[in-house]
Amino acid sequence: MIFIDVILIIFLFSLFAFSHTWLASLKIKKNFVEKMGNKIAFYRLFYNLSSVLFFLLFYLISPKPDLIVYDLHYPFDIITFALQILSFIGLIWAVRGTNLKEFIGISQIVRYLDGNYNIYDLDERQVFRKDGPFKLVRHPVYLFSILFLGLRPTMDLFYLVMFFCITIYFYIGSLYEEKKLIEIFGNEYLEYQKLVPRLIPFIK
């Protein structure tokens, strides 16, 4: 029964991951521009809201086996929790340079309402960052998110399976994301790839 639960969790997460990746593809966004023009400005907010709803749906209908994989005891629970706090600080560091209004989709709608939206931005203005945490790895938000999610003093089976799914998805997502960035920034991003590791610091 537990094996079936695990397979079902992976299957449901895969459906979420596929929809999330498909909606984020340049092909879908370019098709939207061809049909709707500068109304692509609303796409980012729609994408984020639909992603939250799909993830909540995945969480609600997924089986949650009542099985504790491990429960760390003192002092290992304190050490793990401290490392989790540090990874959360790292996540804040990685996110700080991000334009949150642009990420959410609010800035795009404001530009649309002001009548100065550039449809060549598609659903967001892409910024090529190489400073701060982006000197450490090319995807610092993914890195610190993985660390934050994985460093838990207590781990149940559902969370462990979900953690592995998210980690794999982040890696695959980074491949798709970099494909888009190469299309946008060309050789400049290719040179950046040679100098900075993808997700694991100091390993190119």
C-alpha atoms as a PDB file:
ATOM      1  CA  MET A   1       0.000   0.000   0.000  1.00  0.00           C
ATOM      2  CA  ILE A   2       2.853   2.377   0.850  1.00  0.00           C
ATOM      3  CA  PHE A   3       4.478   1.600  -2.516  1.00  0.00           C
ATOM      4  CA  ILE A   4       1.245   2.533  -4.310  1.00  0.00           C
ATOM      5  CA  ASP A   5       1.028   5.738  -2.290  1.00  0.00           C
ATOM      6  CA  VAL A   6       4.569   6.678  -3.308  1.00  0.00           C
ATOM      7  CA  ILE A   7       3.844   5.987  -6.988  1.00  0.00           C
ATOM      8  CA  LEU A   8       0.666   8.059  -6.795  1.00  0.00           C
ATOM      9  CA  ILE A   9       2.485  10.990  -5.152  1.00  0.00           C
ATOM     10  CA  ILE A  10       5.131  10.915  -7.892  1.00  0.00           C
ATOM     11  CA  PHE A  11       2.476  10.680 -10.615  1.00  0.00           C
ATOM     12  CA  LEU A  12       0.430  13.594  -9.250  1.00  0.00           C
ATOM     13  CA  PHE A  13       3.525  15.752  -8.779  1.00  0.00           C
ATOM     14  CA  SER A  14       4.613  14.921 -12.335  1.00  0.00           C
ATOM     15  CA  LEU A  15       1.270  16.223 -13.630  1.00  0.00           C
ATOM     16  CA  PHE A  16       1.807  19.460 -11.729  1.00  0.00           C
ATOM     17  CA  ALA A  17       5.417  19.733 -12.929  1.00  0.00           C
ATOM     18  CA  PHE A  18       4.442  19.112 -16.557  1.00  0.00           C
ATOM     19  CA  SER A  19       1.728  21.789 -16.509  1.00  0.00           C
ATOM     20  CA  HIS A  20       4.077  24.236 -14.767  1.00  0.00           C
ATOM     21  CA  THR A  21       6.851  23.686 -17.328  1.00  0.00           C
ATOM     22  CA  TRP A  22       4.512  23.671 -20.322  1.00  0.00           C
ATOM     23  CA  LEU A  23       2.925  26.990 -19.366  1.00  0.00           C
ATOM     24  CA  ALA A  24       6.390  28.510 -18.851  1.00  0.00           C
ATOM     25  CA  SER A  25       7.678  27.547 -22.306  1.00  0.00           C
ATOM     26  CA  LEU A  26       8.628  30.244 -24.810  1.00  0.00           C
ATOM     27  CA  LYS A  27       6.526  28.508 -27.464  1.00  0.00           C
ATOM     28  CA  ILE A  28       3.337  28.912 -25.424  1.00  0.00           C
ATOM     29  CA  LYS A  29       4.126  32.540 -24.629  1.00  0.00           C
ATOM     30  CA  LYS A  30       4.907  33.381 -28.258  1.00  0.00           C
ATOM     31  CA  ASN A  31       1.655  31.743 -29.372  1.00  0.00           C
ATOM     32  CA  PHE A  32      -0.183  33.828 -26.796  1.00  0.00           C
ATOM     33  CA  VAL A  33       1.434  37.009 -28.163  1.00  0.00           C
ATOM     34  CA  GLU A  34       0.394  36.102 -31.712  1.00  0.00           C
ATOM     35  CA  LYS A  35      -3.235  35.721 -30.626  1.00  0.00           C
ATOM     36  CA  MET A  36      -3.578  38.289 -27.836  1.00  0.00           C
ATOM     37  CA  GLY A  37      -0.829  40.842 -28.452  1.00  0.00           C
ATOM     38  CA  ASN A  38       0.173  42.963 -25.476  1.00  0.00           C
ATOM     39  CA  LYS A  39      -2.361  41.219 -23.238  1.00  0.00           C
ATOM     40  CA  ILE A  40       0.572  38.885 -22.573  1.00  0.00           C
ATOM     41  CA  ALA A  41       1.135  41.383 -19.744  1.00  0.00           C
ATOM     42  CA  PHE A  42      -1.466  39.451 -17.726  1.00  0.00           C
ATOM     43  CA  TYR A  43       0.117  36.072 -18.403  1.00  0.00           C
ATOM     44  CA  ARG A  44       2.671  36.101 -15.581  1.00  0.00           C
ATOM     45  CA  LEU A  45       0.072  36.728 -12.889  1.00  0.00           C
ATOM     46  CA  PHE A  46      -2.159  34.031 -14.385  1.00  0.00           C
ATOM     47  CA  TYR A  47       0.804  31.631 -14.483  1.00  0.00           C
ATOM     48  CA  ASN A  48       1.663  32.195 -10.826  1.00  0.00           C
ATOM     49  CA  LEU A  49      -1.917  31.942  -9.596  1.00  0.00           C
ATOM     50  CA  SER A  50      -2.592  28.787 -11.593  1.00  0.00           C
ATOM     51  CA  SER A  51       0.661  27.252 -10.318  1.00  0.00           C
ATOM     52  CA  VAL A  52      -0.351  27.879  -6.707  1.00  0.00           C
ATOM     53  CA  LEU A  53      -3.795  26.391  -7.327  1.00  0.00           C
ATOM     54  CA  PHE A  54      -2.397  23.323  -9.110  1.00  0.00           C
ATOM     55  CA  PHE A  55       0.114  22.739  -6.317  1.00  0.00           C
ATOM     56  CA  LEU A  56      -2.569  23.051  -3.638  1.00  0.00           C
ATOM     57  CA  LEU A  57      -4.700  20.579  -5.587  1.00  0.00           C
ATOM     58  CA  PHE A  58      -1.749  18.179  -5.792  1.00  0.00           C
ATOM     59  CA  TYR A  59      -1.176  18.497  -2.048  1.00  0.00           C
ATOM     60  CA  LEU A  60      -4.830  17.997  -1.144  1.00  0.00           C
ATOM     61  CA  ILE A  61      -5.441  14.869  -3.219  1.00  0.00           C
ATOM     62  CA  SER A  62      -2.047  13.199  -2.705  1.00  0.00           C
ATOM     63  CA  PRO A  63      -1.975  10.275  -0.271  1.00  0.00           C
ATOM     64  CA  LYS A  64      -0.025  10.995   2.907  1.00  0.00           C
ATOM     65  CA  PRO A  65       1.365   7.746   4.330  1.00  0.00           C
ATOM     66  CA  ASP A  66       1.579   7.761   8.125  1.00  0.00           C
ATOM     67  CA  LEU A  67       5.241   6.784   8.219  1.00  0.00           C
ATOM     68  CA  ILE A  68       8.113   8.655   9.867  1.00  0.00           C
ATOM     69  CA  VAL A  69      11.344   8.037   7.940  1.00  0.00           C
ATOM     70  CA  TYR A  70      13.553   9.535  10.656  1.00  0.00           C
ATOM     71  CA  ASP A  71      13.321  11.715  13.746  1.00  0.00           C
ATOM     72  CA  LEU A  72      16.647  13.209  14.779  1.00  0.00           C
ATOM     73  CA  HIS A  73      17.484  13.536  18.448  1.00  0.00           C
ATOM     74  CA  TYR A  74      19.594  16.060  20.319  1.00  0.00           C
ATOM     75  CA  PRO A  75      22.031  17.484  19.290  1.00  0.00           C
ATOM     76  CA  PHE A  76      21.486  16.502  15.652  1.00  0.00           C
ATOM     77  CA  ASP A  77      17.985  17.999  15.555  1.00  0.00           C
ATOM     78  CA  ILE A  78      19.354  21.365  16.720  1.00  0.00           C
ATOM     79  CA  ILE A  79      22.240  21.239  14.231  1.00  0.00           C
ATOM     80  CA  THR A  80      19.902  20.375  11.345  1.00  0.00           C
ATOM     81  CA  PHE A  81      17.464  23.103  12.320  1.00  0.00           C
ATOM     82  CA  ALA A  82      20.312  25.642  12.516  1.00  0.00           C
ATOM     83  CA  LEU A  83      21.462  24.641   9.028  1.00  0.00           C
ATOM     84  CA  GLN A  84      17.885  25.033   7.807  1.00  0.00           C
ATOM     85  CA  ILE A  85      17.815  28.567   9.206  1.00  0.00           C
ATOM     86  CA  LEU A  86      21.089  29.336   7.414  1.00  0.00           C
ATOM     87  CA  SER A  87      19.695  28.000   4.158  1.00  0.00           C
ATOM     88  CA  PHE A  88      16.629  30.218   4.614  1.00  0.00           C
ATOM     89  CA  ILE A  89      18.930  33.222   5.041  1.00  0.00           C
ATOM     90  CA  GLY A  90      20.675  32.128   1.842  1.00  0.00           C
ATOM     91  CA  LEU A  91      17.306  31.961   0.096  1.00  0.00           C
ATOM     92  CA  ILE A  92      16.526  35.518   1.172  1.00  0.00           C
ATOM     93  CA  TRP A  93      19.965  36.551  -0.126  1.00  0.00           C
ATOM     94  CA  ALA A  94      19.223  34.924  -3.480  1.00  0.00           C
ATOM     95  CA  VAL A  95      15.756  36.478  -3.769  1.00  0.00           C
ATOM     96  CA  ARG A  96      16.777  39.986  -2.655  1.00  0.00           C
ATOM     97  CA  GLY A  97      18.021  41.010  -6.070  1.00  0.00           C
ATOM     98  CA  THR A  98      14.822  39.818  -7.730  1.00  0.00           C
ATOM     99  CA  ASN A  99      12.138  42.286  -8.731  1.00  0.00           C
ATOM    100  CA  LEU A 100       9.259  40.676  -6.843  1.00  0.00           C
ATOM    101  CA  LYS A 101       6.587  42.762  -8.568  1.00  0.00           C
ATOM    102  CA  GLU A 102       7.956  41.630 -11.924  1.00  0.00           C
ATOM    103  CA  PHE A 103       8.194  38.033 -10.700  1.00  0.00           C
ATOM    104  CA  ILE A 104       4.583  38.026  -9.480  1.00  0.00           C
ATOM    105  CA  GLY A 105       3.270  39.811 -12.576  1.00  0.00           C
ATOM    106  CA  ILE A 106       2.163  43.131 -11.106  1.00  0.00           C
ATOM    107  CA  SER A 107       4.707  45.339 -12.907  1.00  0.00           C
ATOM    108  CA  GLN A 108       3.634  43.928 -16.258  1.00  0.00           C
ATOM    109  CA  ILE A 109       0.000  44.881 -15.665  1.00  0.00           C
ATOM    110  CA  VAL A 110       1.040  48.378 -14.543  1.00  0.00           C
ATOM    111  CA  ARG A 111       3.031  48.854 -17.754  1.00  0.00           C
ATOM    112  CA  TYR A 112       0.078  47.567 -19.775  1.00  0.00           C
ATOM    113  CA  LEU A 113      -2.313  50.001 -18.111  1.00  0.00           C
ATOM    114  CA  ASP A 114       0.176  52.817 -18.743  1.00  0.00           C
ATOM    115  CA  GLY A 115       0.195  51.868 -22.416  1.00  0.00           C
ATOM    116  CA  ASN A 116       3.924  51.135 -22.644  1.00  0.00           C
ATOM    117  CA  TYR A 117       4.123  47.341 -22.502  1.00  0.00           C
ATOM    118  CA  ASN A 118       6.745  45.795 -24.785  1.00  0.00           C
ATOM    119  CA  ILE A 119       5.405  42.521 -26.166  1.00  0.00           C
ATOM    120  CA  TYR A 120       8.981  41.404 -26.912  1.00  0.00           C
ATOM    121  CA  ASP A 121       9.427  41.051 -23.142  1.00  0.00           C
ATOM    122  CA  LEU A 122       6.785  38.330 -23.398  1.00  0.00           C
ATOM    123  CA  ASP A 123       5.521  37.824 -19.844  1.00  0.00           C
ATOM    124  CA  GLU A 124       8.479  39.389 -17.993  1.00  0.00           C
ATOM    125  CA  ARG A 125      11.599  41.476 -18.472  1.00  0.00           C
ATOM    126  CA  GLN A 126      14.530  39.078 -18.383  1.00  0.00           C
ATOM    127  CA  VAL A 127      17.551  40.302 -16.430  1.00  0.00           C
ATOM    128  CA  PHE A 128      20.899  38.559 -16.698  1.00  0.00           C
ATOM    129  CA  ARG A 129      22.415  38.550 -13.215  1.00  0.00           C
ATOM    130  CA  LYS A 130      25.976  37.505 -12.399  1.00  0.00           C
ATOM    131  CA  ASP A 131      26.443  39.277  -9.077  1.00  0.00           C
ATOM    132  CA  GLY A 132      26.023  38.195  -5.441  1.00  0.00           C
ATOM    133  CA  PRO A 133      24.699  34.629  -5.087  1.00  0.00           C
ATOM    134  CA  PHE A 134      24.829  34.204  -8.869  1.00  0.00           C
ATOM    135  CA  LYS A 135      28.623  34.066  -8.543  1.00  0.00           C
ATOM    136  CA  LEU A 136      28.196  30.954  -6.410  1.00  0.00           C
ATOM    137  CA  VAL A 137      25.815  29.005  -8.666  1.00  0.00           C
ATOM    138  CA  ARG A 138      23.686  29.849 -11.684  1.00  0.00           C
ATOM    139  CA  HIS A 139      20.473  28.995  -9.816  1.00  0.00           C
ATOM    140  CA  PRO A 140      20.900  30.114  -6.188  1.00  0.00           C
ATOM    141  CA  VAL A 141      17.151  30.218  -5.498  1.00  0.00           C
ATOM    142  CA  TYR A 142      16.916  26.541  -6.432  1.00  0.00           C
ATOM    143  CA  LEU A 143      19.999  25.654  -4.388  1.00  0.00           C
ATOM    144  CA  PHE A 144      18.867  27.317  -1.168  1.00  0.00           C
ATOM    145  CA  SER A 145      15.290  26.093  -1.638  1.00  0.00           C
ATOM    146  CA  ILE A 146      16.560  22.500  -1.875  1.00  0.00           C
ATOM    147  CA  LEU A 147      18.680  22.942   1.246  1.00  0.00           C
ATOM    148  CA  PHE A 148      15.831  24.559   3.160  1.00  0.00           C
ATOM    149  CA  LEU A 149      13.367  21.839   2.212  1.00  0.00           C
ATOM    150  CA  GLY A 150      15.779  18.971   2.842  1.00  0.00           C
ATOM    151  CA  LEU A 151      17.243  20.015   6.179  1.00  0.00           C
ATOM    152  CA  ARG A 152      14.465  18.803   8.466  1.00  0.00           C
ATOM    153  CA  PRO A 153      14.914  17.339  11.963  1.00  0.00           C
ATOM    154  CA  THR A 154      11.893  15.080  11.329  1.00  0.00           C
ATOM    155  CA  MET A 155      11.004  13.580   7.955  1.00  0.00           C
ATOM    156  CA  ASP A 156       7.860  11.686   7.029  1.00  0.00           C
ATOM    157  CA  LEU A 157       7.464   9.620   3.867  1.00  0.00           C
ATOM    158  CA  PHE A 158       5.182  12.041   2.016  1.00  0.00           C
ATOM    159  CA  TYR A 159       7.535  14.953   2.582  1.00  0.00           C
ATOM    160  CA  LEU A 160      10.580  12.885   1.609  1.00  0.00           C
ATOM    161  CA  VAL A 161       9.023  11.777  -1.689  1.00  0.00           C
ATOM    162  CA  MET A 162       7.887  15.319  -2.395  1.00  0.00           C
ATOM    163  CA  PHE A 163      11.376  16.629  -1.574  1.00  0.00           C
ATOM    164  CA  PHE A 164      12.985  14.256  -4.083  1.00  0.00           C
ATOM    165  CA  CYS A 165      10.378  15.196  -6.707  1.00  0.00           C
ATOM    166  CA  ILE A 166      10.982  18.914  -6.158  1.00  0.00           C
ATOM    167  CA  THR A 167      14.763  18.465  -6.288  1.00  0.00           C
ATOM    168  CA  ILE A 168      14.558  16.582  -9.590  1.00  0.00           C
ATOM    169  CA  TYR A 169      12.106  19.149 -10.928  1.00  0.00           C
ATOM    170  CA  PHE A 170      14.407  22.035  -9.984  1.00  0.00           C
ATOM    171  CA  TYR A 171      17.260  20.383 -11.860  1.00  0.00           C
ATOM    172  CA  ILE A 172      15.176  19.663 -14.964  1.00  0.00           C
ATOM    173  CA  GLY A 173      13.628  23.136 -14.699  1.00  0.00           C
ATOM    174  CA  SER A 174      17.097  24.686 -14.665  1.00  0.00           C
ATOM    175  CA  LEU A 175      17.831  22.983 -18.003  1.00  0.00           C
ATOM    176  CA  TYR A 176      14.708  24.447 -19.607  1.00  0.00           C
ATOM    177  CA  GLU A 177      15.332  27.832 -18.027  1.00  0.00           C
ATOM    178  CA  GLU A 178      18.887  27.985 -19.330  1.00  0.00           C
ATOM    179  CA  LYS A 179      17.738  27.022 -22.798  1.00  0.00           C
ATOM    180  CA  LYS A 180      15.529  30.125 -22.751  1.00  0.00           C
ATOM    181  CA  LEU A 181      18.323  32.297 -21.331  1.00  0.00           C
ATOM    182  CA  ILE A 182      20.718  31.174 -24.061  1.00  0.00           C
ATOM    183  CA  GLU A 183      18.086  32.073 -26.657  1.00  0.00           C
ATOM    184  CA  ILE A 184      17.734  35.527 -25.099  1.00  0.00           C
ATOM    185  CA  PHE A 185      21.322  36.385 -24.080  1.00  0.00           C
ATOM    186  CA  GLY A 186      23.330  34.201 -26.469  1.00  0.00           C
ATOM    187  CA  ASN A 187      27.111  33.881 -26.088  1.00  0.00           C
ATOM    188  CA  GLU A 188      27.179  36.003 -22.938  1.00  0.00           C
ATOM    189  CA  TYR A 189      25.214  33.343 -21.092  1.00  0.00           C
ATOM    190  CA  LEU A 190      27.233  30.530 -22.645  1.00  0.00           C
ATOM    191  CA  GLU A 191      30.404  32.104 -21.237  1.00  0.00           C
ATOM    192  CA  TYR A 192      28.727  32.450 -17.847  1.00  0.00           C
ATOM    193  CA  GLN A 193      27.893  28.729 -17.916  1.00  0.00           C
ATOM    194  CA  LYS A 194      31.580  27.914 -18.335  1.00  0.00           C
ATOM    195  CA  LEU A 195      32.565  29.914 -15.256  1.00  0.00           C
ATOM    196  CA  VAL A 196      29.806  29.203 -12.720  1.00  0.00           C
ATOM    197  CA  PRO A 197      28.367  25.788 -11.696  1.00  0.00           C
ATOM    198  CA  ARG A 198      24.671  25.062 -12.179  1.00  0.00           C
ATOM    199  CA  LEU A 199      23.500  24.034  -8.687  1.00  0.00           C
ATOM    200  CA  ILE A 200      26.389  22.637  -6.658  1.00  0.00           C
ATOM    201  CA  PRO A 201      28.939  25.281  -5.584  1.00  0.00           C
ATOM    202  CA  PHE A 202      32.547  24.838  -6.724  1.00  0.00           C
ATOM    203  CA  ILE A 203      31.651  21.950  -9.067  1.00  0.00           C
ATOM    204  CA  LYS A 204      31.423  23.098 -12.692  1.00  0.00           C
END
